[in-house]
């Protein structure tokens, strides 16, 4: 299908207003949403995958008689667009290459990208066209962009945050945040080039007094309970360390830790610098166990995590064991004689878990990335099931979880421990700067730590539908650990906080309840920013206030004020929100929090569907790998419908989808062939009498349409698109083989029309073309889902039996490698089959039957002993002989001659025996 056909349908849908959603109190509504995408680049196939899932559900519901609203907006908020513009202005070659080679931005446009607002507008226009070309059924009247550049939407965000503050959910305080030292601003998930989903964690700093010195090596760890297994301290010989007066002690730490500690309100006075190799060979006193240990060199130290000082527990930490083994292998003198000390007993491991993991994963040295895997395996097992051994003194018998707390508290009490916040994995800001943790003072936060707020969010999760079900616990876990979250930043694009204009609402905080804005967005476009007052939103969303007074305050006619309220009440709540699983720990959970904070229970979200990420040819899609496929490119190469079917049939639930070009190309070719065959078959078909094959074909419509209804209500979209395209296509092919091209014209027209309706949610352009080919006008989306088609199950049973017989005969011919001149098929009578069902056959034959029955579809199992097989095969004998290319004779087992009896007795219910000549 070429671009012009698809474009023509997009224009026709717009002209007919097919996807414009108006309030209709005589119809049940369905409100679906897809996350507003970020406008720093063209939309890619990952967006297409999720958006097509939303769209398929929306179109399916529309065809089932629902009044459907599917709106769309665009995300401009935050730092990414500004950072990209700044990098471009500085001539960043990587950024220029990305824009030109991946995003395909023309040179004359690229020069204007130094203005971040121009860039956002450019991508918004491109991506709107891409979504239209993909066939998405969006009501574009309700479109908006975030930030103050859309003043109407910005007024809505101001209302949202004023209301949250009134309810006590916005607070000012000091909290650890992910911080970009260049932008001097908190960095949320969507403002990151790397490190989405990573949050600050609290590292423990343990003090090891240097022997004969009044200074302390300060080691950072997540596991203070392992102090009982310490054997040495690691430092990097190539790093620069500092002696610094912090609080009442002289610390020795990595130089790079100084600024990070200052950003966490430590008062740091650097005394001098020390090379790492100057520390090696010295001794330190391990706290709590009070023993002297050596300081040794290691290459795995990361200067940007913690203090760049690590204490070694080689029995339980793979990196420590590997570094020790490396030194001992090299003959390093001070490492000889050091042995791991086992201090934790854990199910599944022996004395030395680190040694076991290293050997199991065949880890070469401390620079092998598999050491990370080994570390996570051990830490997880010991945290869940570990218990401290007798050599841990008074802490023996404590679980690792309990010991972690009390050991740290004891060290802190002795003045030998404190803590700092750190990032467990690197986070890179969109401006390409590595981030760290900063304690922000006088920062605005959303109080996600509020237990009442958490409990309301839990209630919402427990009562809503979540697809797949296993995602429900993930949401509950996120709610449990989620803490106060910085909701504003001082750089980038956004809406100023209404009470503190120096701060802009950040990316993941202005994208939580915009779904409510959709319900009235098209109405607000008639009015200016000054008219959209808090009182208006309070009335529309809460029913608070007098509409006549609000009309006088805002200058908006009273009837329009009332209609806004009615429109909100009609469409809300959101019936389904669909998103990728990467948004569960942030956006999707925030979406729940904000709804339960602002709205009554009857307006809380009703369902969330979570899908996996998209891979291309088995690899993660990323610009660095050069394998990003934009929606525009995908449509150009494969066509919108082939692209949609390839994406939708590639994954179910939270499994990652894998897009394969060859697969999409094959679907494109098949779509073209189907449309061509329909034209040919409609011309060659005749108005003959209806036969069993015609009935079977319409049977398939009835069966598939019901199966899709069951699957779509569970968001099983992969199964649904498989039925709508592949199963229906196979039925079409089989039918033509059954009737030997003697096609019934009326039945074919009915089938094609029904197929068009069934296929429309998944391949809208192909469906429209099919619909037109049978003489229908306007649009398939004005139709109703197939219903009332009489379904005769026995016809399906007969065709299934016939097809299985044909396949069995072909398989035997293939095995014997010689085509027979005649085949006799021996079948059991209905009574003989009943004997098998009742267990009255001979034991060895009965066992054989039971094995075959296990693999039978339920459709057949239910008919064993209920139909005469011989009659079925005789009725379809012409078809059977055409398919196998050999004369076929159907006989009952009881009619077998003496010569045939030996072979005939192998016949089983629905599994005939053959005699070849």
Foldseek 3Di string as FASTA:
>chain_A
DDLVLLVVVLVLCVVVVLLAFDDDPVFAAAEEEEFAEEQQAFFFLLSVLQLLLRLLLQLQVLQAGHRYAYAYEHEFFDDQLQLLLVCVVVVPVVSVCCCCPVRVDDPVQSVVSNPSVSSSVVNVVVRVVLCSQLVRSHNHLLYDYFFCVGLQLLQVLLLLVVLCVVLVQKDFFWDKAWAFPVQRKGAAQVQFPDDRPWGKDKWKWFWWAFPPDQATETATHPALLLLLFFAAKEAAQAFKWFFWDWDHGTYIFGPLCVVQVVLAVIDIGTDGIDGRNVQFQTWTARPPVGDIHGYHYDDLQDNQWDRRMHTAQQLQQLLRVQRLVVCVVVVPPSSPPGDHAFWKDFPPDDRRQSVVLCVVVVPDGSVGVCSVVSNVVRVVRQQVGIFTDVSSPPRGGPRSVVSRVVSSVVCVVVVGMDIGIFTPDWIAGSSRGTITMGTDHRFMWRALVPVVLLVLLLVLLVQAAEPPPVCSVVLNVLSVPDGIGGQWIQDGGARANPVGRSTGGGRLSSRQVCSLVSLCSSVCVVADSQLSHSVLVCCLAPVDDDLVVSCVNRVPDSVSSVVSNVSSVSHADNAEYEDEPSCSSTNVSSNSSSCSSPHDPRRGYRYYAYEAGEAEQPHRDDVVVVPTGGSVNVCNLQNSQLSLLQSQQQDGGHDYGYRYPVSSNVSSVVLVVVLVVLLVLLVQEEQDDDDLLLLVLLLLLAVLLVVLVVCSVSSRRNVQSCSLPVVNVVSVVVSCLLVVSRHNNVSSLVSLLLSLLSNCSRRVSSSQSSNVSSPDDSGSSVHHHDDPRDHDLVSVLLVVLLVVVLVVLVVVCVVVVDQFQEKEWEAEFLVVQVCLVVVNDDDVLNVVQVVVLVPDPPSNVVCRSPDGNLVSCVVRVVSSCVSSVHHYHYYYLVPDDPVCNVQQVSHHGSRIGMDGD
